[in-house]
Amino acid sequence: MLKTLAKRIALAERATASRSKYSEECICFPAKELPYFPSDEEQEAAHLVKCPIHRDRFQKLYYLYRAPWHEERMAMAWKSRTEQYKKAWLAGGSSRPT
């Protein structure tokens, strides 16, 4: 009976987490909008900034190759990003991608 109850609680927590909005203090990147950094140094600097609630704001990403046109496309995509993504990006001290 305890296992069943624990499973039900876990399912309820996951359902609630997926519906809830980010709190005012949270500066994490949304799970469906991974950050893109033009260099490993910028990613490392952004990873040092911690969310006051969740600690790590994103998992480190590793890029093997970055096409030259990718920078321009990422700058254009800024307009369609969610408010939480923009808040997380600007919390790292970086200006918006250019």
Protein backbone atom coordinates (compact mmCIF):
# COMPACT_ATOMS: atom_id res chain seq x y z
CA MET A 1 0.00 0.00 0.00
CA LEU A 2 2.87 2.40 0.74
CA LYS A 3 4.41 1.76 -2.68
CA THR A 4 1.11 2.57 -4.37
CA LEU A 5 0.72 5.74 -2.32
CA ALA A 6 4.31 6.78 -3.08
CA LYS A 7 3.72 6.24 -6.81
CA ARG A 8 0.53 8.29 -6.70
CA ILE A 9 2.32 11.11 -4.88
CA ALA A 10 5.17 11.06 -7.39
CA LEU A 11 2.72 11.20 -10.31
CA ALA A 12 0.84 14.08 -8.70
CA GLU A 13 4.08 16.01 -8.11
CA ARG A 14 5.16 15.55 -11.74
CA ALA A 15 1.76 16.66 -13.01
CA THR A 16 1.82 19.73 -10.77
CA ALA A 17 5.38 20.62 -11.77
CA SER A 18 4.55 20.46 -15.46
CA ARG A 19 1.57 22.81 -15.03
CA SER A 20 3.11 25.27 -12.61
CA LYS A 21 4.69 28.50 -13.72
CA TYR A 22 8.13 29.53 -12.63
CA SER A 23 8.37 31.42 -9.39
CA GLU A 24 9.53 35.03 -9.35
CA GLU A 25 12.93 34.05 -7.89
CA CYS A 26 13.63 31.22 -10.35
CA ILE A 27 16.20 32.02 -13.06
CA CYS A 28 16.41 28.52 -14.58
CA PHE A 29 16.19 27.91 -18.31
CA PRO A 30 12.95 26.18 -19.34
CA ALA A 31 13.40 22.45 -19.92
CA LYS A 32 12.14 22.73 -23.50
CA GLU A 33 14.36 25.71 -24.36
CA LEU A 34 17.97 24.75 -23.85
CA PRO A 35 20.42 27.65 -23.83
CA TYR A 36 22.90 28.17 -26.63
CA PHE A 37 26.27 29.72 -25.93
CA PRO A 38 28.63 30.87 -28.68
CA SER A 39 31.67 29.65 -26.77
CA ASP A 40 32.60 27.20 -24.05
CA GLU A 41 33.88 30.11 -21.94
CA GLU A 42 30.49 31.82 -22.00
CA GLN A 43 28.78 28.57 -21.09
CA GLU A 44 31.15 28.08 -18.16
CA ALA A 45 30.50 31.63 -16.92
CA ALA A 46 26.73 31.14 -17.19
CA HIS A 47 26.93 27.81 -15.37
CA LEU A 48 28.57 29.55 -12.40
CA VAL A 49 25.41 31.65 -11.89
CA LYS A 50 23.10 29.58 -9.69
CA CYS A 51 19.33 29.76 -9.29
CA PRO A 52 18.44 30.71 -5.70
CA ILE A 53 15.85 27.92 -5.65
CA HIS A 54 17.19 25.07 -7.81
CA ARG A 55 20.97 25.74 -7.88
CA ASP A 56 22.00 24.64 -11.40
CA ARG A 57 19.99 26.52 -14.04
CA PHE A 58 20.83 24.07 -16.83
CA GLN A 59 22.99 21.04 -17.51
CA LYS A 60 26.22 21.74 -19.30
CA LEU A 61 26.04 21.19 -23.02
CA TYR A 62 28.83 20.10 -25.32
CA TYR A 63 29.06 21.17 -28.93
CA LEU A 64 31.22 19.45 -31.47
CA TYR A 65 30.68 21.91 -34.28
CA ARG A 66 29.01 25.28 -34.62
CA ALA A 67 28.13 26.35 -38.14
CA PRO A 68 28.94 30.00 -38.91
CA TRP A 69 25.29 30.80 -39.72
CA HIS A 70 24.14 29.47 -36.34
CA GLU A 71 25.04 32.68 -34.47
CA GLU A 72 22.79 34.76 -36.70
CA ARG A 73 19.92 32.30 -36.40
CA MET A 74 20.16 32.29 -32.60
CA ALA A 75 20.04 36.09 -32.50
CA MET A 76 16.92 36.07 -34.67
CA ALA A 77 15.28 33.43 -32.43
CA TRP A 78 15.49 35.79 -29.41
CA LYS A 79 12.12 37.31 -30.33
CA SER A 80 10.31 33.98 -30.04
CA ARG A 81 11.85 32.93 -26.70
CA THR A 82 9.66 32.67 -23.59
CA GLU A 83 9.89 35.25 -20.83
CA GLN A 84 11.43 32.64 -18.49
CA TYR A 85 14.19 31.93 -21.04
CA LYS A 86 14.94 35.64 -21.41
CA LYS A 87 14.99 36.10 -17.64
CA ALA A 88 17.38 33.15 -17.25
CA TRP A 89 19.65 34.42 -20.02
CA LEU A 90 19.85 37.95 -18.66
CA ALA A 91 20.45 36.66 -15.09
CA GLY A 92 23.84 35.41 -16.25
CA GLY A 93 25.00 38.97 -16.86
CA SER A 94 25.00 38.58 -20.64
CA SER A 95 23.20 40.94 -22.92
CA ARG A 96 20.78 39.47 -25.37
CA PRO A 97 22.46 37.56 -28.20
CA THR A 98 23.40 39.74 -31.15
